[in-house]
Amino acid sequence: MVICSAQSHRQVQAVMRHVENRLKNLKTLPQSIEGTEAAVWILMDYGDIMVHIFTNDIREYYGLDSVWGDAPSQVFENEPSTMAAGRTMG
């Protein structure tokens, strides 16, 4: 599972497009993508991998990170290629 956030709706959509394009280049297509219009929480379902992209306030409100609190994690902050802080959980 990947959980990441961005500062605005446009950034959330940009992160989604970036993930989608990178995985498409690897010949990996999503089973579904939800939440693209509101762009406060986009869920990208790649089968074995789920990608959650939130606005910062929605990520904090729902606290999905705490649900997976005991899972191994890797924190990435201010990655120049993603514009988002993220957490990848295995």
N, C-alpha and C. Protein backbone atom coordinates (compact mmCIF):
# COMPACT_ATOMS: atom_id res chain seq x y z
N MET A 1 0.84 -1.16 0.00
CA MET A 1 0.00 0.00 0.00
C MET A 1 0.89 1.23 0.00
N VAL A 2 0.47 2.23 -0.75
CA VAL A 2 1.17 3.50 -0.78
C VAL A 2 0.18 4.56 -0.32
N ILE A 3 0.59 5.37 0.63
CA ILE A 3 -0.21 6.50 1.10
C ILE A 3 0.62 7.75 0.90
N CYS A 4 0.06 8.73 0.19
CA CYS A 4 0.79 9.98 0.01
C CYS A 4 -0.19 11.14 0.01
N SER A 5 0.34 12.33 0.13
CA SER A 5 -0.53 13.51 0.17
C SER A 5 0.11 14.66 -0.59
N ALA A 6 -0.73 15.61 -0.91
CA ALA A 6 -0.31 16.80 -1.64
C ALA A 6 -1.07 18.00 -1.08
N GLN A 7 -0.62 19.19 -1.43
CA GLN A 7 -1.17 20.40 -0.82
C GLN A 7 -2.46 20.90 -1.46
N SER A 8 -2.77 20.45 -2.68
CA SER A 8 -3.96 20.97 -3.36
C SER A 8 -4.59 19.88 -4.22
N HIS A 9 -5.80 20.15 -4.69
CA HIS A 9 -6.51 19.22 -5.56
C HIS A 9 -5.71 18.98 -6.85
N ARG A 10 -5.15 20.05 -7.39
CA ARG A 10 -4.36 19.91 -8.62
C ARG A 10 -3.13 19.05 -8.40
N GLN A 11 -2.49 19.21 -7.26
CA GLN A 11 -1.32 18.38 -6.97
C GLN A 11 -1.71 16.92 -6.79
N VAL A 12 -2.85 16.68 -6.15
CA VAL A 12 -3.34 15.31 -6.00
C VAL A 12 -3.53 14.68 -7.37
N GLN A 13 -4.15 15.41 -8.29
CA GLN A 13 -4.36 14.90 -9.64
C GLN A 13 -3.02 14.71 -10.37
N ALA A 14 -2.08 15.61 -10.15
CA ALA A 14 -0.77 15.49 -10.78
C ALA A 14 -0.03 14.25 -10.28
N VAL A 15 -0.11 13.98 -8.99
CA VAL A 15 0.52 12.78 -8.44
C VAL A 15 -0.13 11.54 -9.05
N MET A 16 -1.46 11.54 -9.16
CA MET A 16 -2.16 10.41 -9.76
C MET A 16 -1.69 10.17 -11.19
N ARG A 17 -1.60 11.24 -11.98
CA ARG A 17 -1.15 11.10 -13.37
C ARG A 17 0.28 10.58 -13.44
N HIS A 18 1.11 11.06 -12.53
CA HIS A 18 2.51 10.62 -12.50
C HIS A 18 2.59 9.11 -12.19
N VAL A 19 1.88 8.67 -11.18
CA VAL A 19 1.87 7.24 -10.83
C VAL A 19 1.33 6.43 -12.00
N GLU A 20 0.22 6.88 -12.55
CA GLU A 20 -0.40 6.16 -13.67
C GLU A 20 0.55 6.05 -14.86
N ASN A 21 1.21 7.14 -15.21
CA ASN A 21 2.14 7.12 -16.35
C ASN A 21 3.36 6.24 -16.09
N ARG A 22 3.91 6.34 -14.89
CA ARG A 22 5.09 5.52 -14.57
C ARG A 22 4.76 4.03 -14.63
N LEU A 23 3.60 3.66 -14.07
CA LEU A 23 3.23 2.25 -14.08
C LEU A 23 2.80 1.78 -15.47
N LYS A 24 2.19 2.67 -16.24
CA LYS A 24 1.83 2.33 -17.62
C LYS A 24 3.09 2.03 -18.43
N ASN A 25 4.16 2.78 -18.19
CA ASN A 25 5.43 2.52 -18.87
C ASN A 25 5.99 1.15 -18.51
N LEU A 26 5.60 0.64 -17.35
CA LEU A 26 6.01 -0.70 -16.91
C LEU A 26 4.98 -1.76 -17.30
N LYS A 27 4.03 -1.36 -18.15
CA LYS A 27 2.97 -2.25 -18.65
C LYS A 27 2.04 -2.71 -17.53
N THR A 28 1.84 -1.84 -16.53
CA THR A 28 0.95 -2.12 -15.42
C THR A 28 -0.20 -1.14 -15.45
N LEU A 29 -1.42 -1.67 -15.57
CA LEU A 29 -2.61 -0.83 -15.65
C LEU A 29 -3.45 -1.00 -14.39
N PRO A 30 -4.13 0.05 -13.96
CA PRO A 30 -4.97 -0.06 -12.77
C PRO A 30 -6.23 -0.87 -13.04
N GLN A 31 -6.70 -1.57 -12.02
CA GLN A 31 -7.99 -2.23 -12.11
C GLN A 31 -9.10 -1.20 -12.00
N SER A 32 -8.87 -0.17 -11.18
CA SER A 32 -9.81 0.94 -11.07
C SER A 32 -9.12 2.14 -10.44
N ILE A 33 -9.69 3.31 -10.71
CA ILE A 33 -9.24 4.55 -10.09
C ILE A 33 -10.51 5.29 -9.67
N GLU A 34 -10.56 5.70 -8.41
CA GLU A 34 -11.74 6.38 -7.88
C GLU A 34 -11.35 7.72 -7.27
N GLY A 35 -12.27 8.67 -7.32
CA GLY A 35 -12.10 9.95 -6.64
C GLY A 35 -11.42 11.03 -7.46
N THR A 36 -11.31 10.84 -8.76
CA THR A 36 -10.55 11.80 -9.57
C THR A 36 -11.23 13.15 -9.70
N GLU A 37 -12.56 13.19 -9.68
CA GLU A 37 -13.24 14.48 -9.86
C GLU A 37 -13.08 15.38 -8.64
N ALA A 38 -13.34 14.85 -7.45
CA ALA A 38 -13.21 15.67 -6.24
C ALA A 38 -11.75 15.91 -5.90
N ALA A 39 -10.91 14.92 -6.18
CA ALA A 39 -9.46 15.01 -5.98
C ALA A 39 -9.07 15.40 -4.56
N VAL A 40 -9.80 14.89 -3.58
CA VAL A 40 -9.37 15.04 -2.19
C VAL A 40 -8.82 13.72 -1.66
N TRP A 41 -9.27 12.61 -2.25
CA TRP A 41 -8.77 11.29 -1.94
C TRP A 41 -8.94 10.44 -3.19
N ILE A 42 -7.85 10.16 -3.85
CA ILE A 42 -7.88 9.31 -5.03
C ILE A 42 -7.35 7.95 -4.64
N LEU A 43 -8.08 6.91 -5.01
CA LEU A 43 -7.69 5.54 -4.75
C LEU A 43 -7.38 4.88 -6.08
N MET A 44 -6.17 4.37 -6.20
CA MET A 44 -5.73 3.67 -7.41
C MET A 44 -5.52 2.20 -7.03
N ASP A 45 -6.30 1.31 -7.64
CA ASP A 45 -6.25 -0.11 -7.33
C ASP A 45 -5.47 -0.83 -8.42
N TYR A 46 -4.29 -1.33 -8.05
CA TYR A 46 -3.46 -2.10 -8.97
C TYR A 46 -3.40 -3.57 -8.54
N GLY A 47 -4.45 -4.05 -7.91
CA GLY A 47 -4.49 -5.44 -7.48
C GLY A 47 -3.72 -5.62 -6.19
N ASP A 48 -2.47 -6.01 -6.30
CA ASP A 48 -1.63 -6.22 -5.11
C ASP A 48 -1.18 -4.92 -4.47
N ILE A 49 -1.29 -3.83 -5.18
CA ILE A 49 -0.86 -2.52 -4.67
C ILE A 49 -2.02 -1.54 -4.73
N MET A 50 -2.29 -0.88 -3.62
CA MET A 50 -3.29 0.18 -3.54
C MET A 50 -2.55 1.49 -3.31
N VAL A 51 -2.90 2.51 -4.08
CA VAL A 51 -2.27 3.82 -3.93
C VAL A 51 -3.35 4.79 -3.47
N HIS A 52 -3.14 5.41 -2.32
CA HIS A 52 -4.05 6.42 -1.77
C HIS A 52 -3.35 7.77 -1.87
N ILE A 53 -4.00 8.72 -2.54
CA ILE A 53 -3.44 10.06 -2.67
C ILE A 53 -4.44 11.03 -2.07
N PHE A 54 -4.04 11.72 -1.03
CA PHE A 54 -4.92 12.62 -0.28
C PHE A 54 -4.48 14.07 -0.39
N THR A 55 -5.41 15.00 -0.15
CA THR A 55 -4.99 16.33 0.24
C THR A 55 -4.54 16.20 1.70
N ASN A 56 -3.68 17.10 2.14
CA ASN A 56 -3.14 16.99 3.50
C ASN A 56 -4.22 16.93 4.57
N ASP A 57 -5.24 17.78 4.48
CA ASP A 57 -6.28 17.81 5.52
C ASP A 57 -7.12 16.53 5.53
N ILE A 58 -7.42 15.98 4.38
CA ILE A 58 -8.21 14.74 4.32
C ILE A 58 -7.39 13.56 4.83
N ARG A 59 -6.11 13.54 4.53
CA ARG A 59 -5.24 12.47 5.06
C ARG A 59 -5.23 12.51 6.58
N GLU A 60 -5.10 13.69 7.13
CA GLU A 60 -5.09 13.82 8.59
C GLU A 60 -6.44 13.44 9.18
N TYR A 61 -7.54 13.87 8.56
CA TYR A 61 -8.89 13.61 9.07
C TYR A 61 -9.17 12.10 9.16
N TYR A 62 -8.88 11.36 8.09
CA TYR A 62 -9.21 9.94 8.07
C TYR A 62 -8.18 9.08 8.79
N GLY A 63 -6.96 9.53 8.93
CA GLY A 63 -5.96 8.82 9.72
C GLY A 63 -5.66 7.41 9.24
N LEU A 64 -5.68 7.20 7.94
CA LEU A 64 -5.42 5.87 7.40
C LEU A 64 -4.04 5.35 7.80
N ASP A 65 -3.09 6.24 8.00
CA ASP A 65 -1.75 5.84 8.42
C ASP A 65 -1.79 5.04 9.72
N SER A 66 -2.68 5.44 10.65
CA SER A 66 -2.74 4.78 11.95
C SER A 66 -3.31 3.37 11.84
N VAL A 67 -4.13 3.10 10.84
CA VAL A 67 -4.68 1.76 10.64
C VAL A 67 -3.56 0.78 10.32
N TRP A 68 -2.55 1.28 9.60
CA TRP A 68 -1.42 0.45 9.20
C TRP A 68 -0.19 0.76 10.05
N GLY A 69 -0.39 1.29 11.24
CA GLY A 69 0.70 1.74 12.09
C GLY A 69 1.74 0.69 12.43
N ASP A 70 1.34 -0.60 12.48
CA ASP A 70 2.30 -1.64 12.82
C ASP A 70 2.98 -2.25 11.59
N ALA A 71 2.62 -1.79 10.40
CA ALA A 71 3.23 -2.30 9.16
C ALA A 71 4.58 -1.62 8.94
N PRO A 72 5.53 -2.33 8.33
CA PRO A 72 6.80 -1.68 7.99
C PRO A 72 6.54 -0.51 7.06
N SER A 73 7.27 0.56 7.23
CA SER A 73 7.02 1.73 6.38
C SER A 73 8.32 2.38 5.95
N GLN A 74 8.20 3.15 4.89
CA GLN A 74 9.30 3.95 4.38
C GLN A 74 8.72 5.34 4.14
N VAL A 75 9.25 6.35 4.76
CA VAL A 75 8.73 7.70 4.63
C VAL A 75 9.58 8.47 3.63
N PHE A 76 8.92 9.12 2.67
CA PHE A 76 9.58 9.96 1.68
C PHE A 76 9.01 11.36 1.83
N GLU A 77 9.84 12.34 2.00
CA GLU A 77 9.36 13.70 2.11
C GLU A 77 10.02 14.58 1.08
N ASN A 78 9.20 15.44 0.45
CA ASN A 78 9.68 16.42 -0.51
C ASN A 78 10.50 15.80 -1.63
N GLU A 79 10.04 14.67 -2.13
CA GLU A 79 10.68 14.05 -3.28
C GLU A 79 10.46 14.95 -4.48
N PRO A 80 11.49 15.37 -5.17
CA PRO A 80 11.32 16.31 -6.28
C PRO A 80 10.48 15.75 -7.42
N SER A 81 10.45 14.44 -7.61
CA SER A 81 9.71 13.88 -8.74
C SER A 81 8.25 13.64 -8.43
N THR A 82 7.81 13.77 -7.17
CA THR A 82 6.41 13.44 -6.85
C THR A 82 5.60 14.59 -6.29
N MET A 83 6.25 15.61 -5.74
CA MET A 83 5.57 16.74 -5.12
C MET A 83 4.76 16.33 -3.90
N ALA A 84 4.99 15.17 -3.31
CA ALA A 84 4.16 14.74 -2.20
C ALA A 84 4.98 14.01 -1.14
N ALA A 85 4.50 14.07 0.08
CA ALA A 85 5.08 13.25 1.13
C ALA A 85 4.31 11.95 1.13
N GLY A 86 5.02 10.85 1.21
CA GLY A 86 4.34 9.58 1.09
C GLY A 86 4.83 8.57 2.08
N ARG A 87 4.07 7.50 2.19
CA ARG A 87 4.40 6.40 3.07
C ARG A 87 4.06 5.13 2.31
N THR A 88 5.02 4.25 2.17
CA THR A 88 4.81 2.99 1.46
C THR A 88 4.80 1.88 2.50
N MET A 89 3.78 1.06 2.45
CA MET A 89 3.65 -0.01 3.43
C MET A 89 3.57 -1.35 2.74
N GLY A 90 4.32 -2.31 3.26
CA GLY A 90 4.37 -3.62 2.64
C GLY A 90 3.46 -4.62 3.25
